[in-house]
């Protein structure tokens, strides 16, 4: 693999690379060894970034649509040119298998390309107001205007694409921003900053400021910021919302996603379901908020599908994420792997059956399937966020929908069925942000509305929908006397 990391990386304050220190050590998540060092922002630096964003709000709002589009198009070109470098950095800092890393770089490019297209489509509406005699002669119009300086906090599991889903819409509408990338995986956001620094964005348009959570309160509490967009764990997200003050808050928080496989899935359809469920449960070591955690199978096909899932899971290659054949890489750190290992052991102690996997070595946890997991077990009620899925059976489709809804989360759900009426029943009844038919809940295209209900969050990402959150509607009323 030709790409390599630099010895150190800066932070970006008001569009400018700065290296006040090299305090943040980024580790190779497979070896556990230091891979590079990154400049870390303190409270004064974060305050300066917010102040710069406030100063940039007006010049950003004045940018013409084609100017915003040119910035985004430049990013698409440069990310394409730096594709291998971005993929390698992601593989090292996140421990993500190289094939998955390349896929995420592709999605980064897609997201900026979509934003470039949408940046010239910020339309409004002419609205008739003469709905009664008192409004005769009045005409209304409205348009969208940038909300102002935004704060973005992105997670470790998709450090490129989930940063892109905040940055690209902000640029598309003309909002300056400060971003805190995850301290364990900051490189992707910093490389995005390198590319943005090549453009003619107004001074202060962006700051990318790696910081530890303990010193980053200003991203949440500072009243100069008009929107906070956070992706991460539910406990942290809801706490940030409680402390965010008057600013708008968008949360994408995760879940324990379920997939239903109905009795009419047979033959080639069953072959396909096996492959998609394996992908959904175990890609990037299960560290996805829409990863398949609960597999709910009709009793008529349960034994066959269970056995095939177990057999396929045992073929997955685990190891160094740099290797082309690796499917299961390390979890983000030993602490997270140990937590999930403890959940597996607790479920088994309460009567669950281990079907395959279940062994851990450091941050490496085997791809694991269990059945007969109690509904009070953490593997059922909480977000596993690792390479573990649990199987259960059903006889009545309505009961299967109830089982999906038996969760405090509601991000996405998948349903394998060929029955049109069951498809619409699932869409009507499942209390989630998205229903995916004929596939796993892990499927996402970057222009679709994406987000959850219940403890899974507030608001929607997907470029056009994030743009709506990052703008306000400004109304115009015209009175004509003649």
Foldseek 3Di string as FASTA:
>chain_A
DPAADDQEAAWFAQLDGDAPDQPQFAFQQFVRHTRHTYHFDFLVRVVRLLVLQQVQQVVLQPDDLVQLLVLLVLLLVVLVVCLVNQLVLLCGLFVAFSVVSSVLSVQLSVLSNVLSVCLNVQDWDWDDDPPDPVCPQKTKIKTKTFQEEEFEEEESLSQRNRVSLQVSLCSSRRYAYEYAYASSRLVNVSVSSVSSSVGPRGGSSYTYHHYDPVRPLCSQAPPSHQEYEYEEALVVQVVSVVRRPPHHYWYFHAFAAEEEEEPVQDDPLLVVALVQLLCQQQARQNQDSQRHAEYEYAPVCVVVSVVSNLVVLVPAAEHRSHDNRHRHTFGSFQVLQVVLLVLVVVQVVVPKAWSDFSDDDTRGGRQTEIEPGDCVGCSNAHHSSGRYHYYHYDHDLVVVLVSSQPYQWAWEYEYEDPDPVSVVVSVVRRQHPYYHYSHGRSDDRQQDWGFTDGSSIDFTTHSVRSSVVRIDMDMDMDGDPD
